[in-house]
Amino acid sequence: MKTRSYLLAIDGSQASRSAAHFAWELAKQTDSQVVAQHVVDTTEIWRFLSYDLAGFIGSGLYMDARERITEVMYSIAEALMLSYGSQAEGQSLRFENYIDEGEPTVEIARRAVDHDLVILGFHARRSNRRQKSLFEELAKACPCPVLVVRDVVKRWSKMQIFVSRDMLGSNTIDDICQMGEAFGLPLEILLDTRDNELTESDRARISLTHGASAFGVNTIRSANFKEVIDSTEDDVLLVVSADALNSAHDGLAKARVYKFLQASSGRALLLWRDRAKAVGSVRLAS
């Protein structure tokens, strides 16, 4: 049986530390390994210090500054991984650490091909509202599910699965429920009520499949995305399709997802993507 593996994307934040503690506990619970990755974002350094044409001064000073900043960033990355490794060693689990260089979304998605789940912390603040967060970018690029966590000291009360049309693959709901079972959470299935999303036969099939409390499902009901975000409890793990952030109305969906995560430090978000559908078809950002 293949050993499960979780990719932990880390930085120096408190949110990242919380994500690490969750990943360690999950790995112990499921007899899995944790692979930690920190990406030195050299593309951002280059964007900050490069110009198409020379202006008042040549490019030499900028190239020198780029090299110095990159060296400092690598020093920080090495210190971060040293601290992480020393703490992970005390967890009695299998782990590996990597420092990669490049654009974070691309590098995380590249490593995610070999893992069952990507785990990362949620940063409640964005310096620019137009700036996309890492988990938004990974919703497009990552070939496996992405779990975004905040403060997980308190156990989540349940997993809510918001089922939209693109999640109606033959094994999708079962796979999500199995992950909820691995987390040790009771499950609720929420069927999308938007027009033309789910037919009556779709709803009946889901109800028949999971109506006997398979995998611990205790509720199946209809709901729309807005009311789910507005009414859910403060200690819930919400599962939505990764494509929910990539639709024609993704701006509104993203705003609601941020509202969900920002409202309580006890919440978490699982952006679901089926590996079988994603392998070979997910376009990495360039």
Protein backbone atom coordinates (compact mmCIF):
# COMPACT_ATOMS: atom_id res chain seq x y z
CA MET A 1 0.00 0.00 0.00
CA LYS A 2 1.37 3.40 -1.02
CA THR A 3 2.43 5.60 1.89
CA ARG A 4 0.54 8.86 2.00
CA SER A 5 2.63 11.99 1.67
CA TYR A 6 1.81 15.61 2.51
CA LEU A 7 3.62 18.61 1.06
CA LEU A 8 3.93 21.40 3.63
CA ALA A 9 4.63 24.82 2.10
CA ILE A 10 6.28 26.91 4.81
CA ASP A 11 7.57 30.41 5.46
CA GLY A 12 8.50 32.23 8.66
CA SER A 13 4.94 33.13 9.73
CA GLN A 14 2.86 32.00 12.69
CA ALA A 15 0.26 30.68 10.23
CA SER A 16 2.91 28.47 8.69
CA ARG A 17 3.89 27.15 12.12
CA SER A 18 0.26 26.24 12.83
CA ALA A 19 0.10 24.46 9.48
CA ALA A 20 3.23 22.50 10.39
CA HIS A 21 1.78 21.33 13.71
CA PHE A 22 -1.37 20.19 11.91
CA ALA A 23 0.64 18.37 9.24
CA TRP A 24 2.66 16.54 11.90
CA GLU A 25 -0.43 15.41 13.78
CA LEU A 26 -2.16 14.32 10.58
CA ALA A 27 0.93 12.36 9.50
CA LYS A 28 1.03 10.52 12.82
CA GLN A 29 -2.67 9.76 12.62
CA THR A 30 -2.47 8.41 9.07
CA ASP A 31 1.05 6.90 9.18
CA SER A 32 2.22 9.31 6.49
CA GLN A 33 5.27 11.42 5.73
CA VAL A 34 5.58 15.20 5.64
CA VAL A 35 7.75 16.91 3.04
CA ALA A 36 8.44 20.56 3.90
CA GLN A 37 9.23 23.02 1.12
CA HIS A 38 10.33 26.64 1.23
CA VAL A 39 10.62 28.55 -2.03
CA VAL A 40 13.07 31.44 -2.40
CA ASP A 41 11.06 33.74 -4.64
CA THR A 42 13.76 34.87 -7.06
CA THR A 43 11.17 35.86 -9.66
CA GLU A 44 9.82 38.57 -7.35
CA ILE A 45 13.34 39.82 -6.67
CA TRP A 46 13.96 40.00 -10.40
CA ARG A 47 10.68 41.86 -11.05
CA PHE A 48 11.59 44.40 -8.38
CA LEU A 49 15.11 45.07 -9.67
CA SER A 50 14.88 44.72 -13.44
CA TYR A 51 14.12 47.23 -16.18
CA ASP A 52 13.69 46.73 -19.92
CA LEU A 53 16.09 49.55 -20.76
CA ALA A 54 18.76 51.37 -18.79
CA GLY A 55 17.77 54.81 -17.47
CA PHE A 56 19.95 57.11 -15.38
CA ILE A 57 22.25 54.22 -14.42
CA GLY A 58 23.21 50.92 -15.95
CA SER A 59 22.12 47.47 -14.85
CA GLY A 60 25.30 46.58 -12.96
CA LEU A 61 24.16 47.94 -9.61
CA TYR A 62 20.80 46.22 -9.96
CA MET A 63 22.42 42.87 -10.77
CA ASP A 64 24.68 43.22 -7.75
CA ALA A 65 21.70 44.06 -5.53
CA ARG A 66 19.81 41.05 -6.89
CA GLU A 67 22.68 38.72 -6.02
CA ARG A 68 22.99 40.15 -2.50
CA ILE A 69 19.24 39.93 -1.82
CA THR A 70 19.16 36.36 -3.11
CA GLU A 71 22.04 35.41 -0.79
CA VAL A 72 20.20 36.93 2.18
CA MET A 73 16.99 35.12 1.23
CA TYR A 74 18.86 31.81 1.05
CA SER A 75 20.37 32.47 4.47
CA ILE A 76 16.88 33.04 5.85
CA ALA A 77 15.61 29.89 4.10
CA GLU A 78 18.42 27.78 5.58
CA ALA A 79 17.76 29.13 9.08
CA LEU A 80 14.05 28.46 8.65
CA MET A 81 14.61 24.88 7.53
CA LEU A 82 17.15 24.27 10.29
CA SER A 83 14.61 25.37 12.91
CA TYR A 84 11.82 23.40 11.26
CA GLY A 85 13.96 20.27 10.99
CA SER A 86 14.97 20.36 14.64
CA GLN A 87 11.30 20.52 15.67
CA ALA A 88 10.17 17.90 13.16
CA GLU A 89 12.79 15.47 14.46
CA GLY A 90 11.02 15.43 17.80
CA GLN A 91 7.74 14.38 16.22
CA SER A 92 8.70 10.74 15.53
CA LEU A 93 7.57 10.79 11.91
CA ARG A 94 9.05 10.50 8.43
CA PHE A 95 9.96 13.89 6.97
CA GLU A 96 12.05 15.56 4.28
CA ASN A 97 13.00 19.22 3.72
CA TYR A 98 13.63 21.13 0.49
CA ILE A 99 14.63 24.66 -0.45
CA ASP A 100 13.64 25.53 -4.02
CA GLU A 101 14.20 28.63 -6.10
CA GLY A 102 11.79 30.30 -8.48
CA GLU A 103 8.12 31.31 -8.54
CA PRO A 104 6.39 29.78 -5.46
CA THR A 105 3.22 28.62 -7.21
CA VAL A 106 5.15 26.83 -9.95
CA GLU A 107 7.62 25.21 -7.55
CA ILE A 108 4.95 24.04 -5.10
CA ALA A 109 2.79 22.65 -7.92
CA ARG A 110 5.83 20.87 -9.36
CA ARG A 111 6.52 19.03 -6.10
CA ALA A 112 2.82 18.47 -5.42
CA VAL A 113 2.67 15.94 -8.26
CA ASP A 114 4.23 13.39 -5.90
CA HIS A 115 1.98 14.11 -2.91
CA ASP A 116 -1.60 13.51 -1.78
CA LEU A 117 -2.21 16.92 -0.25
CA VAL A 118 -0.62 20.37 -0.03
CA ILE A 119 -0.89 22.09 3.37
CA LEU A 120 -0.20 25.78 3.97
CA GLY A 121 -1.08 28.53 6.43
CA PHE A 122 -3.51 31.36 5.72
CA HIS A 123 -2.27 34.95 5.83
CA ALA A 124 -5.23 37.08 6.88
CA ARG A 125 -3.72 40.25 5.44
CA ARG A 126 -2.83 41.12 1.87
CA SER A 127 -0.81 44.24 1.21
CA ASN A 128 -2.76 44.81 -2.00
CA ARG A 129 -6.35 43.75 -2.60
CA ARG A 130 -5.53 43.02 -6.23
CA GLN A 131 -2.63 40.82 -5.23
CA LYS A 132 -3.51 37.14 -5.42
CA SER A 133 -2.72 34.98 -2.43
CA LEU A 134 -0.69 31.82 -2.75
CA PHE A 135 -3.69 29.56 -2.23
CA GLU A 136 -5.59 31.37 -5.02
CA GLU A 137 -2.73 30.68 -7.40
CA LEU A 138 -2.46 27.07 -6.26
CA ALA A 139 -6.19 26.60 -6.90
CA LYS A 140 -5.27 26.96 -10.59
CA ALA A 141 -1.92 25.22 -10.69
CA CYS A 142 -1.85 22.48 -8.08
CA PRO A 143 -2.54 18.90 -9.26
CA CYS A 144 -3.82 17.74 -5.85
CA PRO A 145 -6.07 19.12 -3.07
CA VAL A 146 -4.85 22.18 -1.14
CA LEU A 147 -5.62 22.59 2.57
CA VAL A 148 -5.47 26.13 3.97
CA VAL A 149 -5.37 26.31 7.77
CA ARG A 150 -5.17 28.98 10.46
CA ASP A 151 -5.12 28.15 14.17
CA VAL A 152 -5.72 24.42 14.54
CA VAL A 153 -5.04 24.08 18.25
CA LYS A 154 -8.77 23.47 18.68
CA ARG A 155 -10.09 20.47 16.76
CA TRP A 156 -12.54 21.20 13.93
CA SER A 157 -16.11 20.18 14.74
CA LYS A 158 -16.93 18.83 11.27
CA MET A 159 -16.19 18.82 7.54
CA GLN A 160 -18.72 20.47 5.24
CA ILE A 161 -18.52 19.41 1.58
CA PHE A 162 -20.03 21.90 -0.86
CA VAL A 163 -20.82 19.78 -3.93
CA SER A 164 -20.87 21.56 -7.30
CA ARG A 165 -21.24 20.02 -10.74
CA ASP A 166 -17.52 19.57 -11.39
CA MET A 167 -17.29 17.40 -8.27
CA LEU A 168 -19.62 14.72 -9.66
CA GLY A 169 -16.87 12.36 -10.84
CA SER A 170 -17.35 8.68 -10.09
CA ASN A 171 -15.10 8.68 -7.01
CA THR A 172 -14.82 12.36 -6.07
CA ILE A 173 -17.28 12.45 -3.17
CA ASP A 174 -15.99 9.14 -1.83
CA ASP A 175 -12.39 10.40 -1.95
CA ILE A 176 -13.31 13.57 -0.07
CA CYS A 177 -15.24 11.60 2.52
CA GLN A 178 -12.28 9.27 2.99
CA MET A 179 -10.07 12.27 3.69
CA GLY A 180 -12.61 13.53 6.22
CA GLU A 181 -12.57 10.12 7.82
CA ALA A 182 -8.75 10.30 8.01
CA PHE A 183 -9.13 13.68 9.75
CA GLY A 184 -11.55 12.04 12.19
CA LEU A 185 -14.38 14.47 11.42
CA PRO A 186 -18.16 14.04 11.06
CA LEU A 187 -19.29 14.98 7.56
CA GLU A 188 -22.02 17.10 6.01
CA ILE A 189 -22.79 17.16 2.28
CA LEU A 190 -24.20 20.44 0.95
CA LEU A 191 -25.67 20.26 -2.56
CA ASP A 192 -25.30 23.39 -4.70
CA THR A 193 -28.71 24.93 -5.43
CA ARG A 194 -27.60 27.21 -8.27
CA ASP A 195 -29.56 26.82 -11.50
CA ASN A 196 -28.26 24.16 -13.90
CA GLU A 197 -25.58 23.00 -11.48
CA LEU A 198 -27.02 19.75 -10.15
CA THR A 199 -29.92 17.83 -11.68
CA GLU A 200 -32.42 15.87 -9.62
CA SER A 201 -30.78 12.63 -10.74
CA ASP A 202 -27.41 13.94 -9.52
CA ARG A 203 -28.91 14.77 -6.15
CA ALA A 204 -30.60 11.40 -5.92
CA ARG A 205 -27.38 9.57 -6.76
CA ILE A 206 -25.43 11.42 -4.06
CA SER A 207 -28.18 10.79 -1.53
CA LEU A 208 -28.36 7.09 -2.36
CA THR A 209 -24.59 6.72 -2.23
CA HIS A 210 -24.14 8.40 1.12
CA GLY A 211 -27.58 8.22 2.72
CA ALA A 212 -26.66 5.29 4.97
CA SER A 213 -24.10 7.36 6.88
CA ALA A 214 -21.24 6.00 4.82
CA PHE A 215 -17.92 7.49 5.99
CA GLY A 216 -19.78 9.17 8.84
CA VAL A 217 -21.99 11.44 6.70
CA ASN A 218 -24.76 12.65 8.98
CA THR A 219 -26.38 15.40 6.87
CA ILE A 220 -27.26 15.85 3.20
CA ARG A 221 -29.03 19.09 2.32
CA SER A 222 -29.23 21.78 -0.34
CA ALA A 223 -27.51 25.16 0.06
CA ASN A 224 -26.03 27.97 -1.97
CA PHE A 225 -22.47 29.19 -1.65
CA LYS A 226 -23.36 32.50 -0.03
CA GLU A 227 -25.42 31.02 2.77
CA VAL A 228 -22.77 28.40 3.44
CA ILE A 229 -20.14 31.10 3.89
CA ASP A 230 -22.45 33.32 5.95
CA SER A 231 -23.90 30.70 8.28
CA THR A 232 -21.21 28.11 8.92
CA GLU A 233 -19.77 27.68 12.41
CA ASP A 234 -16.41 29.08 13.53
CA ASP A 235 -14.66 25.70 13.77
CA VAL A 236 -15.46 24.05 10.43
CA LEU A 237 -13.34 22.60 7.64
CA LEU A 238 -15.09 23.62 4.42
CA VAL A 239 -14.46 21.71 1.18
CA VAL A 240 -15.06 23.44 -2.16
CA SER A 241 -13.92 22.71 -5.69
CA ALA A 242 -10.63 24.38 -6.60
CA ASP A 243 -12.38 25.44 -9.79
CA ALA A 244 -14.78 27.53 -7.69
CA LEU A 245 -12.02 30.14 -7.60
CA ASN A 246 -11.41 29.91 -11.34
CA SER A 247 -14.91 30.34 -12.75
CA ALA A 248 -16.35 33.25 -14.69
CA HIS A 249 -17.57 34.68 -11.38
CA ASP A 250 -14.39 33.91 -9.47
CA GLY A 251 -14.09 37.43 -8.03
CA LEU A 252 -17.22 36.98 -5.93
CA ALA A 253 -16.27 33.44 -4.95
CA LYS A 254 -12.80 34.57 -3.85
CA ALA A 255 -14.25 37.38 -1.76
CA ARG A 256 -16.55 34.92 0.00
CA VAL A 257 -13.74 32.45 0.59
CA TYR A 258 -11.66 35.20 2.20
CA LYS A 259 -14.63 36.19 4.30
CA PHE A 260 -14.96 32.58 5.46
CA LEU A 261 -11.31 32.28 6.48
CA GLN A 262 -10.94 35.75 7.98
CA ALA A 263 -14.04 35.44 10.16
CA SER A 264 -12.53 32.84 12.50
CA SER A 265 -9.05 31.48 13.21
CA GLY A 266 -10.66 28.09 13.89
CA ARG A 267 -11.78 27.58 10.29
CA ALA A 268 -9.97 25.86 7.44
CA LEU A 269 -10.51 25.50 3.69
CA LEU A 270 -9.88 22.46 1.51
CA LEU A 271 -9.68 23.28 -2.20
CA TRP A 272 -10.47 19.98 -3.85
CA ARG A 273 -8.97 18.73 -7.08
CA ASP A 274 -9.06 15.14 -8.31
CA ARG A 275 -5.57 13.92 -9.08
CA ALA A 276 -6.79 11.67 -11.89
CA LYS A 277 -8.35 14.64 -13.70
CA ALA A 278 -5.50 17.02 -12.95
CA VAL A 279 -2.45 14.99 -13.97
CA GLY A 280 -1.35 16.15 -17.40
CA SER A 281 -4.08 18.77 -17.67
CA VAL A 282 -3.30 21.39 -15.02
CA ARG A 283 -1.53 24.39 -16.57
CA LEU A 284 1.29 25.71 -14.41
CA ALA A 285 1.64 29.44 -14.09
CA SER A 286 4.61 30.89 -15.91
